[in-house]
N, C-alpha and C. Protein backbone atom coordinates (compact mmCIF):
# COMPACT_ATOMS: atom_id res chain seq x y z
N UNK A 1 -26.45 28.87 2.61
CA UNK A 1 -25.22 28.77 2.03
C UNK A 1 -24.59 27.66 3.30
N UNK A 2 -24.61 28.13 4.40
CA UNK A 2 -24.15 27.34 5.87
C UNK A 2 -24.55 25.64 5.90
N UNK A 3 -25.83 25.81 5.67
CA UNK A 3 -26.56 24.50 5.35
C UNK A 3 -25.91 23.67 4.30
N UNK A 4 -25.75 23.73 3.35
CA UNK A 4 -24.90 23.31 2.37
C UNK A 4 -23.56 22.91 2.74
N UNK A 5 -22.82 24.00 3.37
CA UNK A 5 -21.34 23.45 3.77
C UNK A 5 -21.38 22.39 5.04
N UNK A 6 -22.28 22.63 5.79
CA UNK A 6 -22.49 21.69 6.90
C UNK A 6 -22.91 20.33 6.30
N UNK A 7 -24.06 20.26 5.35
CA UNK A 7 -24.20 18.92 4.76
C UNK A 7 -22.94 18.19 4.01
N UNK A 8 -22.32 19.11 3.11
CA UNK A 8 -20.95 18.47 2.52
C UNK A 8 -19.99 18.05 3.42
N UNK A 9 -19.69 18.86 4.47
CA UNK A 9 -18.77 18.45 5.46
C UNK A 9 -19.35 16.90 6.08
N UNK A 10 -20.53 16.84 6.79
CA UNK A 10 -21.01 15.87 7.01
C UNK A 10 -20.94 14.53 5.85
N UNK A 11 -21.24 14.71 4.95
CA UNK A 11 -20.98 13.73 4.20
C UNK A 11 -19.89 13.19 3.50
N UNK A 12 -18.66 14.30 3.64
CA UNK A 12 -17.50 14.02 3.82
C UNK A 12 -17.18 13.00 4.91
N UNK A 13 -17.22 13.37 5.74
CA UNK A 13 -16.91 12.73 7.04
C UNK A 13 -17.26 11.23 6.91
N UNK A 14 -18.71 11.14 6.66
CA UNK A 14 -19.03 9.96 6.75
C UNK A 14 -18.66 9.02 5.76
N UNK A 15 -18.29 9.71 4.25
CA UNK A 15 -17.36 8.73 3.46
C UNK A 15 -15.83 8.60 3.79
N UNK A 16 -15.48 9.43 4.58
CA UNK A 16 -13.77 9.45 4.83
C UNK A 16 -13.39 8.61 5.93
N UNK A 17 -14.08 9.24 6.97
CA UNK A 17 -13.49 8.69 8.29
C UNK A 17 -13.45 7.27 8.35
N UNK A 18 -14.42 6.58 8.17
CA UNK A 18 -14.08 5.25 8.14
C UNK A 18 -13.11 4.48 7.52
N UNK A 19 -12.42 5.34 6.42
CA UNK A 19 -11.33 4.73 6.04
C UNK A 19 -9.90 5.37 6.38
N UNK A 20 -9.79 6.02 7.68
CA UNK A 20 -8.73 6.71 7.51
C UNK A 20 -7.65 5.57 8.27
N UNK A 21 -7.68 4.62 9.19
CA UNK A 21 -6.97 3.85 9.29
C UNK A 21 -6.41 3.15 8.33
N UNK A 22 -7.05 2.87 7.05
CA UNK A 22 -6.53 2.25 5.87
C UNK A 22 -5.71 3.30 5.38
N UNK A 23 -6.00 4.29 4.91
CA UNK A 23 -5.19 5.52 4.40
C UNK A 23 -4.06 5.53 5.34
N UNK A 24 -4.17 5.67 6.47
CA UNK A 24 -2.80 6.08 7.11
C UNK A 24 -1.79 4.41 6.85
N UNK A 25 -2.54 3.17 6.72
CA UNK A 25 -1.80 2.35 6.77
C UNK A 25 -1.02 2.24 5.41
N UNK A 26 -1.34 2.88 4.19
CA UNK A 26 -0.83 2.60 3.07
C UNK A 26 -0.06 3.94 2.97
N UNK A 27 -0.33 4.72 3.46
CA UNK A 27 0.93 5.59 3.69
C UNK A 27 1.91 5.43 4.29
N UNK A 28 1.86 4.95 5.71
CA UNK A 28 3.01 4.31 6.41
C UNK A 28 3.90 3.28 5.65
N UNK A 29 3.01 2.46 5.02
CA UNK A 29 4.19 1.60 4.20
C UNK A 29 4.60 1.99 2.95
N UNK A 30 4.10 3.25 2.43
CA UNK A 30 4.78 3.98 1.28
C UNK A 30 5.59 4.71 1.53
N UNK A 31 5.60 5.45 2.68
CA UNK A 31 6.56 6.49 3.20
C UNK A 31 7.79 5.74 3.78
N UNK A 32 7.22 4.79 4.55
CA UNK A 32 8.19 4.00 5.41
C UNK A 32 8.68 4.99 6.90
N UNK A 33 7.51 5.90 7.20
CA UNK A 33 7.99 6.61 8.23
C UNK A 33 6.57 7.12 8.69
N UNK A 34 6.46 7.16 10.09
CA UNK A 34 5.25 7.53 10.56
C UNK A 34 4.65 9.03 10.71
N UNK A 35 5.66 9.75 10.76
CA UNK A 35 5.39 11.24 10.74
C UNK A 35 5.17 11.76 9.15
N UNK A 36 6.10 11.16 8.44
CA UNK A 36 5.52 11.45 6.70
C UNK A 36 4.10 11.04 6.53
N UNK A 37 4.00 9.82 7.02
CA UNK A 37 2.51 9.10 6.89
C UNK A 37 1.42 10.08 7.37
N UNK A 38 1.40 10.52 8.63
CA UNK A 38 0.59 11.58 9.15
C UNK A 38 0.51 12.53 8.17
N UNK A 39 1.64 13.20 7.91
CA UNK A 39 1.50 14.38 7.26
C UNK A 39 0.72 14.30 5.49
N UNK A 40 1.24 13.08 5.10
CA UNK A 40 0.53 12.58 3.72
C UNK A 40 -1.02 12.27 3.85
N UNK A 41 -1.09 11.83 4.94
CA UNK A 41 -2.84 11.48 5.26
C UNK A 41 -3.45 13.07 5.13
N UNK A 42 -3.05 13.58 6.19
CA UNK A 42 -3.68 15.31 6.14
C UNK A 42 -3.68 15.66 4.95
N UNK A 43 -2.66 15.55 4.29
CA UNK A 43 -2.59 16.49 3.10
C UNK A 43 -3.49 15.73 1.85
N UNK A 44 -3.91 14.41 1.94
CA UNK A 44 -4.62 13.80 1.00
C UNK A 44 -6.13 14.14 1.52
N UNK A 45 -6.39 14.27 3.09
CA UNK A 45 -7.62 14.57 3.71
C UNK A 45 -8.21 15.81 3.07
N UNK A 46 -7.20 16.98 3.01
CA UNK A 46 -7.36 18.18 2.41
C UNK A 46 -7.64 18.37 1.05
N UNK A 47 -7.05 17.48 0.12
CA UNK A 47 -7.33 17.05 -0.98
C UNK A 47 -8.75 16.70 -1.37
N UNK A 48 -9.06 15.68 -0.52
CA UNK A 48 -9.91 15.03 -0.97
C UNK A 48 -11.41 15.75 -0.50
N UNK A 49 -11.57 16.58 0.48
CA UNK A 49 -12.54 17.81 0.67
C UNK A 49 -12.39 18.79 -0.20
N UNK A 50 -11.48 19.04 -0.83
CA UNK A 50 -11.45 20.40 -1.46
C UNK A 50 -12.16 19.74 -3.02
N UNK A 51 -11.54 18.55 -3.44
CA UNK A 51 -12.47 17.80 -4.74
C UNK A 51 -13.63 16.81 -4.54
N UNK A 52 -14.32 17.15 -3.18
CA UNK A 52 -15.34 16.24 -2.63
C UNK A 52 -16.37 16.42 -3.36
N UNK A 53 -16.67 17.44 -4.10
CA UNK A 53 -17.79 17.80 -5.04
C UNK A 53 -17.94 17.05 -6.31
N UNK A 54 -16.83 16.59 -6.36
CA UNK A 54 -16.58 15.64 -7.45
C UNK A 54 -16.99 14.27 -7.49
N UNK A 55 -16.63 14.23 -6.47
CA UNK A 55 -16.78 12.56 -5.66
C UNK A 55 -18.36 12.11 -6.13
N UNK A 56 -18.95 11.11 -6.71
CA UNK A 56 -20.48 11.04 -7.24
C UNK A 56 -20.85 9.41 -6.76
N UNK A 57 -20.11 9.28 -5.16
CA UNK A 57 -20.59 7.87 -5.15
C UNK A 57 -19.87 6.91 -5.50
N UNK A 58 -19.78 5.89 -5.34
CA UNK A 58 -18.76 4.51 -5.43
C UNK A 58 -18.05 4.20 -4.30
N UNK A 59 -17.24 3.49 -4.29
CA UNK A 59 -16.20 3.09 -3.50
C UNK A 59 -15.41 4.10 -2.82
N UNK A 60 -15.69 4.73 -1.73
CA UNK A 60 -15.14 5.72 -0.90
C UNK A 60 -13.79 5.47 -0.26
N UNK A 61 -13.53 4.32 0.20
CA UNK A 61 -11.97 3.81 0.51
C UNK A 61 -11.11 3.79 -0.74
N UNK A 62 -11.81 3.00 -1.64
CA UNK A 62 -10.65 3.30 -3.04
C UNK A 62 -10.55 4.52 -3.49
N UNK A 63 -11.62 5.43 -3.42
CA UNK A 63 -11.30 7.02 -3.97
C UNK A 63 -10.34 7.74 -3.15
N UNK A 64 -10.23 7.48 -1.68
CA UNK A 64 -9.42 8.20 -0.76
C UNK A 64 -8.29 7.52 -0.95
N UNK A 65 -7.80 5.94 -1.18
CA UNK A 65 -6.67 5.32 -1.10
C UNK A 65 -5.87 5.95 -2.36
N UNK A 66 -6.52 6.07 -3.47
CA UNK A 66 -6.06 6.62 -4.47
C UNK A 66 -5.49 8.03 -4.13
N UNK A 67 -6.30 8.89 -3.53
CA UNK A 67 -5.56 10.37 -3.17
C UNK A 67 -4.39 10.02 -2.10
N UNK A 68 -4.58 9.33 -1.31
CA UNK A 68 -3.59 8.90 -0.39
C UNK A 68 -2.42 8.40 -1.14
N UNK A 69 -2.80 7.38 -2.12
CA UNK A 69 -1.57 7.03 -3.05
C UNK A 69 -0.44 7.96 -3.85
N UNK A 70 -1.36 8.97 -4.50
CA UNK A 70 -1.19 10.38 -5.39
C UNK A 70 -0.20 10.98 -4.32
N UNK A 71 -0.73 11.52 -3.11
CA UNK A 71 -0.22 12.22 -2.23
C UNK A 71 1.49 11.87 -1.81
N UNK A 72 1.47 10.34 -1.54
CA UNK A 72 2.55 9.82 -1.25
C UNK A 72 3.48 9.74 -2.30
N UNK A 73 3.19 9.39 -3.42
CA UNK A 73 4.40 9.68 -4.52
C UNK A 73 4.75 11.06 -4.75
N UNK A 74 3.69 11.80 -4.55
CA UNK A 74 4.26 13.45 -4.81
C UNK A 74 5.30 13.42 -3.63
N UNK A 75 4.91 13.29 -2.40
CA UNK A 75 5.69 13.38 -1.48
C UNK A 75 7.05 12.79 -1.48
N UNK A 76 7.22 11.29 -2.31
CA UNK A 76 8.48 10.65 -1.95
C UNK A 76 9.18 11.42 -3.41
N UNK A 77 8.70 11.77 -4.42
CA UNK A 77 9.47 12.44 -5.07
C UNK A 77 10.05 13.86 -4.95
N UNK A 78 9.25 14.90 -3.94
CA UNK A 78 9.88 15.74 -3.38
C UNK A 78 10.83 15.74 -2.64
N UNK A 79 10.85 14.30 -1.80
CA UNK A 79 11.97 14.29 -0.73
C UNK A 79 12.89 13.07 -0.69
N UNK A 80 12.40 12.45 -1.56
CA UNK A 80 13.23 10.80 -1.46
C UNK A 80 13.10 10.19 -2.87
N UNK A 81 13.52 10.76 -4.15
CA UNK A 81 13.04 10.53 -5.34
C UNK A 81 13.82 8.85 -5.35
N UNK A 82 15.01 8.74 -4.97
CA UNK A 82 15.79 7.63 -5.39
C UNK A 82 14.99 6.36 -4.67
N UNK A 83 14.00 6.25 -3.89
CA UNK A 83 13.30 5.17 -3.35
C UNK A 83 12.33 4.86 -4.67
N UNK A 84 11.81 5.50 -5.26
CA UNK A 84 11.23 5.42 -6.34
C UNK A 84 11.84 4.31 -7.46
N UNK A 85 12.95 4.11 -7.62
CA UNK A 85 13.50 3.26 -9.08
C UNK A 85 13.37 1.79 -8.69
N UNK A 86 13.18 1.19 -9.44
CA UNK A 86 13.11 0.16 -9.31
C UNK A 86 13.99 -1.38 -10.03
N UNK A 87 15.08 -1.60 -9.33
CA UNK A 87 16.18 -2.30 -10.12
C UNK A 87 15.48 -3.54 -10.45
N UNK A 88 16.08 -4.21 -11.52
CA UNK A 88 15.80 -5.60 -12.39
C UNK A 88 16.47 -6.70 -11.01
N UNK A 89 15.50 -7.62 -10.85
CA UNK A 89 16.50 -8.82 -10.06
C UNK A 89 16.04 -9.74 -11.15
N UNK A 90 17.07 -10.55 -11.55
CA UNK A 90 17.07 -11.97 -12.06
C UNK A 90 16.51 -13.09 -10.95
N UNK A 91 16.87 -12.70 -9.85
CA UNK A 91 16.85 -13.84 -8.58
C UNK A 91 15.06 -14.08 -8.52
N UNK A 92 14.43 -12.89 -8.72
CA UNK A 92 13.01 -13.28 -8.33
C UNK A 92 12.65 -14.02 -9.27
N UNK A 93 13.01 -14.57 -10.38
CA UNK A 93 12.20 -15.64 -10.92
C UNK A 93 12.52 -17.04 -10.72
N UNK A 94 13.33 -17.44 -9.44
CA UNK A 94 13.57 -18.34 -8.95
C UNK A 94 12.42 -18.97 -8.18
N UNK A 95 11.86 -20.07 -7.97
CA UNK A 95 10.67 -20.50 -6.96
C UNK A 95 11.14 -20.79 -5.68
N UNK A 96 10.43 -20.46 -5.11
CA UNK A 96 10.72 -20.74 -3.44
C UNK A 96 9.43 -21.42 -3.10
N UNK A 97 9.63 -22.28 -1.64
CA UNK A 97 8.92 -22.95 -0.96
C UNK A 97 7.57 -22.38 -0.84
N UNK A 98 6.23 -22.73 -0.83
CA UNK A 98 5.15 -22.26 -0.39
C UNK A 98 5.05 -21.77 1.01
N UNK A 99 5.77 -22.78 1.78
CA UNK A 99 5.95 -22.49 3.09
C UNK A 99 6.21 -20.48 3.65
N UNK A 100 6.78 -19.79 2.53
CA UNK A 100 6.97 -18.49 2.77
C UNK A 100 6.47 -17.36 1.53
N UNK A 101 5.15 -18.07 1.38
CA UNK A 101 4.17 -17.65 0.75
C UNK A 101 3.63 -16.50 1.06
N UNK A 102 4.00 -15.13 1.09
CA UNK A 102 3.35 -13.95 1.56
C UNK A 102 1.74 -14.04 1.77
N UNK A 103 1.13 -14.35 0.77
CA UNK A 103 -0.41 -14.52 0.84
C UNK A 103 -0.79 -15.31 1.83
N UNK A 104 -0.13 -16.48 1.89
CA UNK A 104 -0.39 -17.40 3.28
C UNK A 104 -0.12 -16.97 4.45
N UNK A 105 1.09 -16.35 4.59
CA UNK A 105 1.36 -15.65 6.05
C UNK A 105 0.29 -14.39 6.48
N UNK A 106 0.06 -13.73 5.26
CA UNK A 106 -0.98 -12.80 5.63
C UNK A 106 -2.34 -13.35 5.99
N UNK A 107 -2.84 -14.24 5.12
CA UNK A 107 -3.82 -14.72 5.76
C UNK A 107 -3.99 -15.60 6.96
N UNK A 108 -3.15 -16.01 7.61
CA UNK A 108 -2.87 -16.65 8.57
C UNK A 108 -2.83 -15.74 9.95
N UNK A 109 -2.89 -14.39 9.28
CA UNK A 109 -2.55 -13.42 10.33
C UNK A 109 -1.29 -13.19 10.90
N UNK A 110 -0.39 -13.71 10.21
CA UNK A 110 1.35 -13.71 10.64
C UNK A 110 1.79 -12.30 10.41
N UNK A 111 1.77 -11.61 11.55
CA UNK A 111 2.37 -10.41 11.04
C UNK A 111 3.57 -10.05 12.10
N UNK A 112 4.78 -10.86 11.90
CA UNK A 112 6.46 -10.82 12.31
C UNK A 112 7.03 -9.88 11.75
N UNK A 113 7.89 -9.46 13.00
CA UNK A 113 8.93 -8.59 12.29
C UNK A 113 9.63 -8.89 11.16
N UNK A 114 9.69 -10.25 10.99
CA UNK A 114 10.23 -10.88 9.77
C UNK A 114 9.75 -10.31 8.59
N UNK A 115 8.35 -10.39 8.36
CA UNK A 115 7.19 -10.19 7.51
C UNK A 115 7.47 -8.67 7.03
N UNK A 116 7.39 -7.83 8.38
CA UNK A 116 7.52 -6.29 8.10
C UNK A 116 8.72 -5.74 7.73
N UNK A 117 9.95 -6.83 7.81
CA UNK A 117 11.28 -6.20 7.56
C UNK A 117 11.03 -6.70 6.16
N UNK A 118 10.70 -7.62 5.50
CA UNK A 118 10.75 -8.04 4.41
C UNK A 118 9.75 -7.30 3.31
N UNK A 119 8.85 -6.89 3.99
CA UNK A 119 7.56 -5.61 3.23
C UNK A 119 8.66 -4.02 2.85
N UNK A 120 8.70 -4.17 4.02
CA UNK A 120 9.67 -2.53 4.01
C UNK A 120 10.92 -2.58 3.09
N UNK A 121 11.58 -4.00 2.77
CA UNK A 121 12.68 -3.78 1.83
C UNK A 121 11.89 -3.90 -0.01
N UNK A 122 10.75 -4.18 0.04
CA UNK A 122 10.14 -4.08 -1.34
C UNK A 122 10.14 -2.55 -1.58
N UNK A 123 10.60 -2.63 -3.28
CA UNK A 123 10.08 -1.14 -3.77
C UNK A 123 8.85 -0.74 -3.30
N UNK A 124 8.66 0.51 -3.61
CA UNK A 124 6.94 1.09 -3.16
C UNK A 124 5.83 0.61 -4.01
N UNK A 125 6.40 0.22 -5.48
CA UNK A 125 5.26 -0.23 -6.49
C UNK A 125 4.76 -1.36 -5.92
N UNK A 126 5.95 -2.41 -5.46
CA UNK A 126 5.35 -3.74 -5.02
C UNK A 126 4.50 -3.59 -3.70
N UNK A 127 5.62 -2.94 -2.71
CA UNK A 127 4.59 -2.69 -1.58
C UNK A 127 3.35 -2.19 -1.56
N UNK A 128 2.92 -1.38 -2.24
CA UNK A 128 1.72 -0.44 -2.69
C UNK A 128 0.54 -1.86 -2.81
N UNK A 129 0.90 -2.42 -3.93
CA UNK A 129 0.05 -3.54 -4.38
C UNK A 129 -0.36 -4.64 -3.25
N UNK A 130 0.80 -4.89 -2.47
CA UNK A 130 0.66 -6.15 -1.59
C UNK A 130 -0.27 -5.43 -0.35
N UNK A 131 -0.05 -4.45 0.08
CA UNK A 131 -0.52 -3.45 1.32
C UNK A 131 -2.21 -3.44 0.91
N UNK A 132 -2.42 -3.00 -0.12
CA UNK A 132 -3.84 -2.78 -0.74
C UNK A 132 -4.48 -4.06 -0.85
N UNK A 133 -4.05 -5.26 -1.25
CA UNK A 133 -4.47 -6.25 -1.32
C UNK A 133 -4.48 -7.08 -0.22
N UNK A 134 -3.47 -7.69 0.47
CA UNK A 134 -3.39 -8.67 1.53
C UNK A 134 -3.61 -7.68 2.89
N UNK A 135 -3.50 -6.58 2.97
CA UNK A 135 -3.85 -5.68 4.49
C UNK A 135 -4.80 -5.17 4.38
N UNK A 136 -5.11 -4.67 3.13
CA UNK A 136 -6.74 -3.50 3.00
C UNK A 136 -7.79 -4.38 2.17
N UNK A 137 -7.32 -5.55 1.81
CA UNK A 137 -8.27 -6.51 1.32
C UNK A 137 -9.21 -6.18 0.05
N UNK A 138 -8.62 -5.12 -0.48
CA UNK A 138 -9.10 -4.68 -1.93
C UNK A 138 -8.93 -5.71 -3.34
N UNK A 139 -9.84 -5.61 -3.78
CA UNK A 139 -10.09 -6.57 -5.48
C UNK A 139 -8.85 -6.13 -6.10
N UNK A 140 -8.47 -6.96 -7.33
CA UNK A 140 -7.74 -6.28 -8.24
C UNK A 140 -8.09 -5.38 -9.07
N UNK A 141 -9.44 -5.22 -9.47
CA UNK A 141 -10.01 -3.92 -10.12
C UNK A 141 -10.12 -2.71 -9.02
N UNK A 142 -10.01 -2.89 -7.67
CA UNK A 142 -9.89 -1.95 -7.06
C UNK A 142 -8.86 -1.48 -6.91
N UNK A 143 -7.85 -1.96 -6.78
CA UNK A 143 -6.41 -1.62 -6.89
C UNK A 143 -5.88 -1.20 -8.02
N UNK A 144 -6.31 -1.65 -9.14
CA UNK A 144 -6.17 -0.79 -10.23
C UNK A 144 -6.91 0.40 -10.57
N UNK A 145 -7.78 0.41 -9.85
CA UNK A 145 -8.64 2.10 -9.94
C UNK A 145 -7.46 3.01 -8.97
N UNK A 146 -7.36 2.43 -7.96
CA UNK A 146 -6.19 3.17 -6.85
C UNK A 146 -5.08 3.69 -7.59
N UNK A 147 -4.34 2.53 -8.07
CA UNK A 147 -2.99 2.86 -8.79
C UNK A 147 -3.02 3.48 -10.20
N UNK A 148 -3.91 3.14 -10.89
CA UNK A 148 -4.32 3.90 -12.01
C UNK A 148 -3.42 2.97 -13.17
N UNK A 149 -3.44 1.74 -12.93
CA UNK A 149 -2.77 0.60 -13.86
C UNK A 149 -3.88 -0.16 -14.05
N UNK A 150 -3.29 -1.07 -15.47
CA UNK A 150 -4.23 -2.16 -15.93
C UNK A 150 -4.01 -3.16 -14.68
N UNK A 151 -5.33 -3.75 -14.73
CA UNK A 151 -5.64 -5.16 -13.69
C UNK A 151 -4.28 -6.12 -14.18
N UNK A 152 -4.15 -6.16 -15.43
CA UNK A 152 -3.16 -7.53 -15.44
C UNK A 152 -1.57 -6.76 -14.87
N UNK A 153 -1.47 -5.57 -14.99
CA UNK A 153 -0.37 -4.92 -14.46
C UNK A 153 -0.14 -5.26 -12.66
N UNK A 154 -1.68 -5.08 -12.14
CA UNK A 154 -2.01 -5.19 -10.82
C UNK A 154 -1.33 -6.64 -10.44
N UNK A 155 -2.34 -7.43 -11.22
CA UNK A 155 -1.68 -8.97 -10.99
C UNK A 155 -0.18 -9.18 -11.09
N UNK A 156 0.48 -8.72 -11.99
CA UNK A 156 1.88 -9.03 -12.59
C UNK A 156 2.59 -8.74 -11.38
N UNK A 157 2.19 -7.25 -10.58
CA UNK A 157 3.26 -6.68 -9.76
C UNK A 157 2.91 -7.51 -8.46
N UNK A 158 1.41 -7.91 -8.43
CA UNK A 158 1.61 -8.85 -7.13
C UNK A 158 2.19 -9.96 -7.19
N UNK A 159 2.49 -10.63 -8.30
CA UNK A 159 3.00 -11.98 -8.27
C UNK A 159 4.41 -11.50 -8.24
N UNK A 160 5.08 -10.72 -8.52
CA UNK A 160 6.54 -10.40 -8.38
C UNK A 160 6.53 -10.08 -6.94
N UNK A 161 5.75 -9.19 -6.49
CA UNK A 161 6.26 -9.10 -5.17
C UNK A 161 5.96 -9.83 -4.02
N UNK A 162 5.31 -10.81 -4.34
CA UNK A 162 5.15 -11.96 -3.42
C UNK A 162 6.51 -12.82 -3.82
N UNK A 163 6.71 -13.13 -5.01
CA UNK A 163 8.12 -13.99 -5.09
C UNK A 163 8.98 -13.27 -4.39
N UNK A 164 9.18 -11.81 -4.42
CA UNK A 164 10.32 -11.06 -3.94
C UNK A 164 10.20 -11.34 -2.42
N UNK A 165 9.00 -11.09 -1.67
CA UNK A 165 8.88 -11.50 -0.24
C UNK A 165 9.16 -13.09 0.01
N UNK A 166 8.88 -13.84 -0.93
CA UNK A 166 9.27 -15.22 -0.36
C UNK A 166 10.77 -15.70 -0.39
N UNK A 167 11.33 -15.06 -1.68
CA UNK A 167 13.00 -15.06 -1.33
C UNK A 167 13.14 -14.16 -0.17
N UNK A 168 13.05 -13.31 0.18
CA UNK A 168 13.58 -12.59 1.14
C UNK A 168 13.19 -13.32 2.80
N UNK A 169 12.07 -13.93 2.76
CA UNK A 169 11.49 -14.64 3.87
C UNK A 169 12.20 -15.71 4.23
N UNK A 170 12.58 -16.45 2.71
CA UNK A 170 13.17 -17.47 2.63
C UNK A 170 15.01 -17.69 3.11
N UNK A 171 15.28 -16.59 2.37
CA UNK A 171 16.88 -16.22 2.56
C UNK A 171 16.78 -15.89 4.64
N UNK A 172 15.92 -15.11 4.66
CA UNK A 172 16.15 -14.98 6.40
C UNK A 172 15.91 -15.91 6.89
N UNK A 173 15.04 -16.94 6.76
CA UNK A 173 14.90 -18.01 7.70
C UNK A 173 16.36 -19.16 7.42
N UNK A 174 16.77 -18.98 6.21
CA UNK A 174 18.23 -19.80 5.58
C UNK A 174 19.21 -18.99 6.75
N UNK A 175 19.31 -18.01 7.03
CA UNK A 175 20.17 -16.99 7.55
C UNK A 175 20.26 -17.60 9.02
N UNK A 176 18.67 -17.46 9.33
CA UNK A 176 18.85 -18.03 10.87
C UNK A 176 19.34 -19.42 11.07
N UNK A 177 19.04 -20.51 10.30
CA UNK A 177 19.14 -21.46 10.51
C UNK A 177 20.90 -21.74 10.54
N UNK A 178 21.62 -20.82 9.77
CA UNK A 178 22.90 -21.21 9.78
C UNK A 178 23.44 -20.24 10.95
N UNK A 179 22.81 -19.23 11.16
CA UNK A 179 23.34 -18.80 12.77
C UNK A 179 23.46 -19.53 13.74
N UNK A 180 22.11 -20.48 13.53
CA UNK A 180 21.88 -21.08 15.03
C UNK A 180 23.08 -21.88 15.06
N UNK A 181 23.54 -22.63 13.70
CA UNK A 181 24.65 -23.81 13.61
C UNK A 181 25.68 -23.35 14.20
């Protein structure tokens, strides 16, 4: 029995430990709080260990991030349910210059305070797909698995999140120009 538990823990550590930074990154962006993110990741790891016997291989990162995501939303529902609502914004339909395209900014490795503020301002469902795609490098299919939504919805949310980020970054830039004048 002891050998089985040791092997199970060893397999768990091998599968999960390499992805703890990604887990914390997702939790931090969803909860917007370092302490909450640490608590969520810890709780997610406990859940992952509890259900590790049901994990039959595959993408361990996506499996762990799905648990982290679900744990984050459970935490937010318990403590800050008002953050889970998504207001409709007609302004998102306006096109903005490619200079403020969030994908371009992330690909260039530009992690400025301005980008972080814009990302923080996004509703959780947009923030999660941006973080999973642009920061963690997950494919649309992997994001769909993590978030338990169809690939088409992932693509739609990413497009809307990117437009919202573009608008926010463009507005911030415009305010900066007007402020300097």
